[in-house]
N, C-alpha and C. Protein backbone atom coordinates (compact mmCIF):
# COMPACT_ATOMS: atom_id res chain seq x y z
N MET A 1 42.88 89.40 131.05
CA MET A 1 43.66 90.28 131.08
C MET A 1 44.74 90.23 129.97
N ALA A 2 45.22 90.65 128.74
CA ALA A 2 46.15 90.56 128.30
C ALA A 2 47.26 91.37 128.65
N ALA A 3 48.41 90.06 128.20
CA ALA A 3 49.87 90.76 128.70
C ALA A 3 50.53 92.00 128.02
N ASP A 4 51.01 92.28 128.69
CA ASP A 4 51.77 93.93 127.89
C ASP A 4 52.42 93.33 127.29
N PRO A 5 52.86 93.95 126.31
CA PRO A 5 53.83 93.28 124.78
C PRO A 5 55.15 94.09 125.24
N THR A 6 54.83 95.18 126.09
CA THR A 6 56.58 95.51 126.36
C THR A 6 56.94 95.10 127.00
N THR A 7 56.62 94.30 128.08
CA THR A 7 56.77 92.77 129.12
C THR A 7 57.19 91.38 128.52
N ALA A 8 57.03 91.37 127.22
CA ALA A 8 57.23 89.82 126.82
C ALA A 8 58.48 89.57 126.64
N ARG A 9 58.55 88.29 127.26
CA ARG A 9 59.82 87.10 127.13
C ARG A 9 60.64 86.87 125.73
N ILE A 10 61.16 86.61 125.63
CA ILE A 10 61.78 86.12 124.99
C ILE A 10 62.13 84.72 124.84
N ASP A 11 61.89 83.61 123.88
CA ASP A 11 62.35 82.42 124.52
C ASP A 11 63.88 82.34 124.72
N PRO A 12 64.52 82.28 125.77
CA PRO A 12 66.08 82.16 125.75
C PRO A 12 66.62 80.88 124.43
N SER A 13 65.60 79.95 124.19
CA SER A 13 65.81 78.88 123.74
C SER A 13 66.67 78.94 121.68
N GLY A 14 65.36 79.71 121.77
CA GLY A 14 65.53 80.48 120.42
C GLY A 14 64.53 79.39 119.49
N LYS A 15 64.08 78.55 119.76
CA LYS A 15 62.88 77.90 119.40
C LYS A 15 61.80 77.79 119.26
N MET A 16 61.48 79.51 119.20
CA MET A 16 59.86 79.84 119.24
C MET A 16 59.22 79.55 118.07
N ASP A 17 57.89 79.23 117.46
CA ASP A 17 57.57 79.13 116.72
C ASP A 17 56.56 79.72 116.51
N ILE A 18 57.18 80.18 115.09
CA ILE A 18 57.45 81.81 113.97
C ILE A 18 56.32 81.33 112.92
N THR A 19 55.41 79.92 112.72
CA THR A 19 55.03 79.77 111.81
C THR A 19 53.57 81.07 111.13
N GLU A 20 53.11 81.35 112.03
CA GLU A 20 52.08 82.46 111.06
C GLU A 20 52.93 83.38 111.43
N GLN A 21 53.91 84.12 112.11
CA GLN A 21 54.81 85.38 110.93
C GLN A 21 55.55 84.12 110.06
N ARG A 22 55.70 83.33 109.96
CA ARG A 22 56.15 83.29 108.38
C ARG A 22 55.02 83.39 106.87
N ARG A 23 53.50 82.28 107.53
CA ARG A 23 52.55 82.48 106.68
C ARG A 23 52.35 84.29 106.45
N THR A 24 52.33 84.82 107.21
CA THR A 24 51.64 86.15 107.18
C THR A 24 53.23 86.94 106.47
N TYR A 25 54.15 86.76 106.28
CA TYR A 25 55.46 87.35 105.25
C TYR A 25 55.50 86.72 104.40
N HIS A 26 54.65 85.80 103.97
CA HIS A 26 54.48 84.89 102.29
C HIS A 26 53.10 85.64 102.15
N ALA A 27 52.76 85.67 102.75
CA ALA A 27 51.16 86.33 101.65
C ALA A 27 51.93 87.68 101.75
N PHE A 28 52.09 88.69 102.22
CA PHE A 28 52.65 90.03 101.65
C PHE A 28 53.23 89.99 100.72
N LEU A 29 54.36 88.76 100.69
CA LEU A 29 55.17 88.90 99.02
C LEU A 29 54.54 88.40 98.25
N ILE A 30 53.36 87.65 97.96
CA ILE A 30 52.23 87.53 97.01
C ILE A 30 51.64 88.61 96.47
N LEU A 31 51.03 89.41 97.89
CA LEU A 31 50.58 90.31 97.59
C LEU A 31 51.60 91.54 97.00
N ALA A 32 52.57 91.97 97.02
CA ALA A 32 53.62 92.73 96.55
C ALA A 32 53.80 92.59 95.26
N ARG A 33 53.80 91.17 95.19
CA ARG A 33 53.80 90.88 93.61
C ARG A 33 52.94 90.85 92.35
N TYR A 34 51.76 90.97 92.68
CA TYR A 34 50.47 91.33 92.03
C TYR A 34 50.32 92.71 91.80
N VAL A 35 50.18 93.48 93.06
CA VAL A 35 50.15 94.95 93.05
C VAL A 35 51.46 95.67 92.07
N VAL A 36 52.49 94.95 91.93
CA VAL A 36 53.79 95.77 91.37
C VAL A 36 53.57 95.67 89.76
N LEU A 37 53.17 94.13 89.37
CA LEU A 37 52.52 93.46 88.52
C LEU A 37 51.51 94.47 87.53
N ALA A 38 50.56 94.66 88.69
CA ALA A 38 49.74 95.38 88.17
C ALA A 38 49.57 97.03 87.85
N ASN A 39 50.63 97.38 88.37
CA ASN A 39 51.51 99.03 87.79
C ASN A 39 51.97 98.47 87.02
N ILE A 40 52.93 98.04 86.72
CA ILE A 40 53.42 97.69 85.39
C ILE A 40 52.76 97.56 83.77
N VAL A 41 52.08 96.53 84.37
CA VAL A 41 50.77 96.46 83.01
C VAL A 41 49.71 97.73 82.99
N ALA A 42 49.28 98.36 83.72
CA ALA A 42 48.60 99.80 83.74
C ALA A 42 49.47 101.36 83.30
N GLY A 43 50.73 100.58 83.97
CA GLY A 43 51.75 102.18 83.11
C GLY A 43 52.35 101.90 81.83
N ALA A 44 52.08 100.34 81.51
CA ALA A 44 52.31 99.94 79.78
C ALA A 44 51.07 100.28 78.62
N PHE A 45 50.15 100.18 79.70
CA PHE A 45 48.96 100.32 78.87
C PHE A 45 48.69 101.74 78.17
N LEU A 46 48.57 102.85 79.96
CA LEU A 46 48.65 104.45 80.15
C LEU A 46 49.74 104.76 78.90
N ILE A 47 50.46 104.59 79.30
CA ILE A 47 52.15 105.43 78.61
C ILE A 47 51.99 104.99 76.55
N LEU A 48 51.55 103.61 76.30
CA LEU A 48 51.44 103.92 74.74
C LEU A 48 50.20 103.83 74.13
N ALA A 49 49.01 103.93 75.03
CA ALA A 49 47.63 104.62 74.69
C ALA A 49 48.11 106.14 74.66
N LEU A 50 48.54 107.29 75.66
CA LEU A 50 48.02 108.44 75.67
C LEU A 50 49.31 109.08 75.07
N THR A 51 50.67 108.26 74.11
CA THR A 51 51.54 108.99 73.75
C THR A 51 51.20 108.40 72.22
N GLY A 52 50.04 108.69 71.66
CA GLY A 52 50.20 107.90 70.09
C GLY A 52 50.43 106.62 69.47
N GLY A 53 50.37 105.53 70.33
CA GLY A 53 50.50 104.56 69.55
C GLY A 53 49.62 103.32 69.52
N GLY A 54 47.90 103.87 69.95
CA GLY A 54 46.76 103.52 70.03
C GLY A 54 46.76 102.85 70.68
N TRP A 55 44.89 102.98 70.83
CA TRP A 55 44.43 101.96 72.18
C TRP A 55 44.72 100.85 71.71
N LEU A 56 44.58 99.89 70.68
CA LEU A 56 44.95 98.58 70.42
C LEU A 56 46.22 98.13 70.71
N ARG A 57 47.47 98.91 70.06
CA ARG A 57 48.85 98.38 70.26
C ARG A 57 49.18 98.63 71.84
N ALA A 58 48.56 99.71 72.51
CA ALA A 58 49.11 99.44 73.96
C ALA A 58 48.00 98.34 74.73
N ALA A 59 46.88 97.65 74.30
CA ALA A 59 45.93 96.63 75.02
C ALA A 59 46.78 95.85 74.81
N ILE A 60 47.35 95.33 73.70
CA ILE A 60 48.26 94.31 73.14
C ILE A 60 49.06 94.48 74.05
N ALA A 61 50.03 95.78 74.01
CA ALA A 61 51.71 95.10 74.74
C ALA A 61 50.84 94.97 76.26
N ALA A 62 49.73 95.76 76.85
CA ALA A 62 49.80 95.16 78.04
C ALA A 62 49.38 94.02 78.29
N LEU A 63 48.89 93.38 77.57
CA LEU A 63 48.36 92.04 77.59
C LEU A 63 49.68 91.01 77.77
N ALA A 64 50.51 91.42 76.92
CA ALA A 64 51.89 90.56 76.65
C ALA A 64 52.59 91.12 77.90
N CYS A 65 52.37 92.01 78.34
CA CYS A 65 52.98 92.25 80.28
C CYS A 65 52.55 91.48 80.92
N LEU A 66 51.07 91.40 80.97
CA LEU A 66 50.15 90.85 81.69
C LEU A 66 50.87 89.34 81.86
N ILE A 67 51.07 88.56 81.06
CA ILE A 67 51.40 87.10 80.18
C ILE A 67 51.95 86.90 81.37
N VAL A 68 53.57 87.69 80.21
CA VAL A 68 55.21 87.43 81.18
C VAL A 68 55.18 87.80 82.53
N GLY A 69 54.25 88.57 83.15
CA GLY A 69 54.09 89.26 84.84
C GLY A 69 53.83 87.52 85.77
N LEU A 70 52.43 87.27 85.07
CA LEU A 70 51.81 86.28 85.57
C LEU A 70 52.71 84.51 85.51
N TYR A 71 53.48 84.69 84.44
CA TYR A 71 54.39 83.51 84.28
C TYR A 71 55.35 83.63 85.58
N PHE A 72 56.15 84.95 85.71
CA PHE A 72 57.24 85.23 86.55
C PHE A 72 56.38 85.23 88.26
N ALA A 73 55.72 85.76 88.23
CA ALA A 73 55.28 86.00 89.14
C ALA A 73 54.55 84.61 90.25
N LYS A 74 54.68 83.58 89.75
CA LYS A 74 53.81 82.70 90.26
C LYS A 74 54.63 81.84 91.34
N ASP A 75 53.81 81.49 92.40
CA ASP A 75 55.03 80.57 93.27
C ASP A 75 55.43 79.48 92.81
N ARG A 76 57.05 79.45 93.30
CA ARG A 76 57.26 78.09 92.57
C ARG A 76 58.12 77.03 94.00
N ARG A 77 57.71 76.06 94.46
CA ARG A 77 57.89 75.24 95.61
C ARG A 77 58.65 74.80 95.19
N GLU A 78 59.31 74.33 93.99
CA GLU A 78 61.00 73.16 93.97
C GLU A 78 62.22 73.51 94.18
N VAL A 79 62.79 72.43 94.63
CA VAL A 79 64.18 72.67 95.19
C VAL A 79 64.79 73.70 94.13
N THR A 80 65.35 74.79 94.25
CA THR A 80 66.51 75.52 93.06
C THR A 80 67.68 74.89 93.89
N ALA A 81 68.58 75.63 92.85
CA ALA A 81 70.11 75.31 93.04
C ALA A 81 70.49 75.98 94.26
N ALA A 82 69.81 77.36 94.19
CA ALA A 82 70.26 78.43 95.05
C ALA A 82 69.71 77.98 97.22
N SER A 83 68.74 77.37 97.10
CA SER A 83 68.18 76.50 98.31
C SER A 83 68.77 75.92 98.47
N SER A 84 69.51 74.95 98.04
CA SER A 84 70.42 73.92 98.11
C SER A 84 71.48 73.71 98.58
N VAL A 85 72.45 75.32 97.90
CA VAL A 85 73.47 76.13 98.60
C VAL A 85 73.19 76.58 100.20
N GLY A 86 72.34 77.19 100.41
CA GLY A 86 71.82 77.87 101.28
C GLY A 86 71.48 76.94 102.65
N ALA A 87 70.74 75.58 102.27
CA ALA A 87 70.74 75.04 103.20
C ALA A 87 72.18 73.83 103.55
N LEU A 88 72.70 74.01 102.35
CA LEU A 88 74.39 73.12 103.14
C LEU A 88 75.15 74.41 103.96
N VAL A 89 75.00 75.82 103.44
CA VAL A 89 75.45 77.11 104.01
C VAL A 89 75.33 76.86 105.45
N ALA A 90 73.63 76.57 105.65
CA ALA A 90 73.20 76.66 106.55
C ALA A 90 74.01 75.57 107.97
N THR A 91 73.43 74.57 107.48
CA THR A 91 74.19 73.18 108.01
C THR A 91 75.67 73.22 108.64
N THR A 92 76.38 73.78 107.63
CA THR A 92 77.81 73.88 107.86
C THR A 92 77.88 75.17 109.10
N ALA A 93 77.26 76.16 109.02
CA ALA A 93 77.50 77.23 110.40
C ALA A 93 77.18 76.51 111.73
N ALA A 94 76.22 75.87 111.49
CA ALA A 94 75.88 74.88 112.15
C ALA A 94 76.39 74.34 113.41
N GLU A 95 77.19 73.51 112.00
CA GLU A 95 77.81 72.21 112.91
C GLU A 95 79.38 72.88 113.07
N SER A 96 79.81 73.95 112.62
CA SER A 96 80.89 74.79 113.33
C SER A 96 80.93 75.49 114.25
N GLY A 97 79.64 75.49 115.16
CA GLY A 97 78.94 75.94 116.32
C GLY A 97 78.72 77.76 116.23
N HIS A 98 79.25 78.21 114.53
CA HIS A 98 78.40 79.82 114.27
C HIS A 98 76.75 79.80 114.05
N THR A 99 75.90 79.56 115.04
CA THR A 99 74.51 79.59 115.72
C THR A 99 74.24 80.76 115.05
N ASP A 100 74.37 82.50 115.01
CA ASP A 100 73.91 83.22 114.55
C ASP A 100 73.72 83.41 113.19
N GLN A 101 75.07 83.13 112.61
CA GLN A 101 75.30 83.09 110.86
C GLN A 101 74.14 81.40 110.64
N ALA A 102 74.04 80.37 111.19
CA ALA A 102 73.05 79.52 110.71
C ALA A 102 72.18 80.21 110.77
N GLY A 103 71.43 80.61 111.74
CA GLY A 103 70.30 80.74 111.62
C GLY A 103 70.28 81.88 110.97
N ALA A 104 71.13 82.86 110.46
CA ALA A 104 70.67 83.70 109.75
C ALA A 104 70.10 83.20 108.22
N ALA A 105 71.42 82.67 108.03
CA ALA A 105 71.47 81.63 106.33
C ALA A 105 70.00 80.99 106.47
N ALA A 106 69.60 80.14 107.36
CA ALA A 106 68.52 79.60 107.08
C ALA A 106 66.94 80.36 106.83
N GLU A 107 67.27 81.77 107.69
CA GLU A 107 66.03 82.35 107.65
C GLU A 107 65.84 83.11 105.68
N ILE A 108 67.19 83.28 105.48
CA ILE A 108 67.40 83.97 104.07
C ILE A 108 66.70 83.11 102.76
N PHE A 109 67.26 81.71 103.23
CA PHE A 109 67.09 80.68 101.92
C PHE A 109 65.84 79.73 102.23
N GLY A 110 65.66 79.83 103.50
CA GLY A 110 64.45 78.88 104.20
C GLY A 110 63.94 77.67 104.35
N GLY A 111 65.62 77.54 104.91
CA GLY A 111 66.21 76.34 105.40
C GLY A 111 66.06 75.85 107.24
N ALA A 112 66.12 75.19 106.73
CA ALA A 112 66.26 74.64 108.54
C ALA A 112 67.66 74.13 109.03
N ALA A 113 68.22 74.87 109.77
CA ALA A 113 69.25 74.26 110.51
C ALA A 113 69.62 74.29 111.96
N GLU A 114 70.52 73.39 111.84
CA GLU A 114 70.60 72.83 113.35
C GLU A 114 71.63 73.68 113.98
N THR A 115 71.57 73.85 115.42
CA THR A 115 71.66 75.11 116.35
C THR A 115 72.61 74.36 117.04
N ALA A 116 73.70 74.69 117.33
CA ALA A 116 74.27 73.91 118.91
C ALA A 116 74.60 74.86 119.31
N GLU A 117 74.72 75.00 120.84
CA GLU A 117 74.78 75.93 121.94
C GLU A 117 75.91 76.82 121.52
N PRO A 118 75.31 77.90 121.85
CA PRO A 118 76.87 79.46 121.48
C PRO A 118 77.84 78.62 122.82
N GLU A 119 79.11 79.00 122.87
CA GLU A 119 79.79 79.30 123.62
C GLU A 119 80.58 80.18 123.79
N SER A 120 80.49 80.14 125.08
CA SER A 120 80.66 81.65 125.94
C SER A 120 82.09 82.07 125.30
N PRO A 121 82.05 83.35 125.11
CA PRO A 121 83.39 83.82 124.81
C PRO A 121 84.57 84.02 125.72
N GLN A 122 85.59 83.78 125.21
CA GLN A 122 86.66 84.00 126.84
C GLN A 122 87.37 84.92 126.93
N ARG A 123 87.14 85.79 127.62
CA ARG A 123 88.26 87.01 127.54
C ARG A 123 89.72 86.75 127.94
N PRO A 124 90.54 87.37 126.52
CA PRO A 124 91.63 87.10 127.33
C PRO A 124 92.24 88.05 128.25
N GLN A 125 93.37 87.82 129.03
CA GLN A 125 94.07 88.37 130.58
C GLN A 125 94.52 88.91 129.72
N SER A 126 94.45 90.70 130.47
CA SER A 126 94.96 91.69 129.41
C SER A 126 96.24 92.23 130.54
N ALA A 127 97.58 92.53 130.51
CA ALA A 127 98.46 92.26 131.12
C ALA A 127 98.71 94.05 131.51
N SER A 128 98.82 93.98 132.78
CA SER A 128 98.87 95.36 133.58
C SER A 128 99.81 95.98 132.93
N LEU A 129 99.76 97.57 132.52
CA LEU A 129 100.67 98.44 132.46
C LEU A 129 101.45 99.01 133.04
N SER A 130 101.29 98.93 134.58
CA SER A 130 101.98 99.80 135.33
C SER A 130 103.43 98.71 135.76
N GLY A 131 104.09 100.32 136.29
CA GLY A 131 105.12 99.54 136.26
C GLY A 131 106.64 99.22 136.00
């Protein structure tokens, strides 16, 4: 019998394996890129063809949009300056004990940050106003 998803426990250590979620999200982003590109190419073709630009000119412009779009839509895995800065920010935040910011930065920039145990916040003693 399957577990009830409303009563699922969250891993308190924060070290849950999310590789499948990352793969799914990555596939969604790739699909979204190409759907947007298809809409741009079709829109460019239809606008130019139906507004008197001619079918041949519309086809050439749509082909140019497709070539430029495919160049920019391809997935690049090399390290960029932004990912290097992101890894540095995530590592610095983790070393200073800001684990929530380190995790957020690691998720945004795709890096892995070492997370320290969160410190329990100290509640200041409040002075009594009576008297």
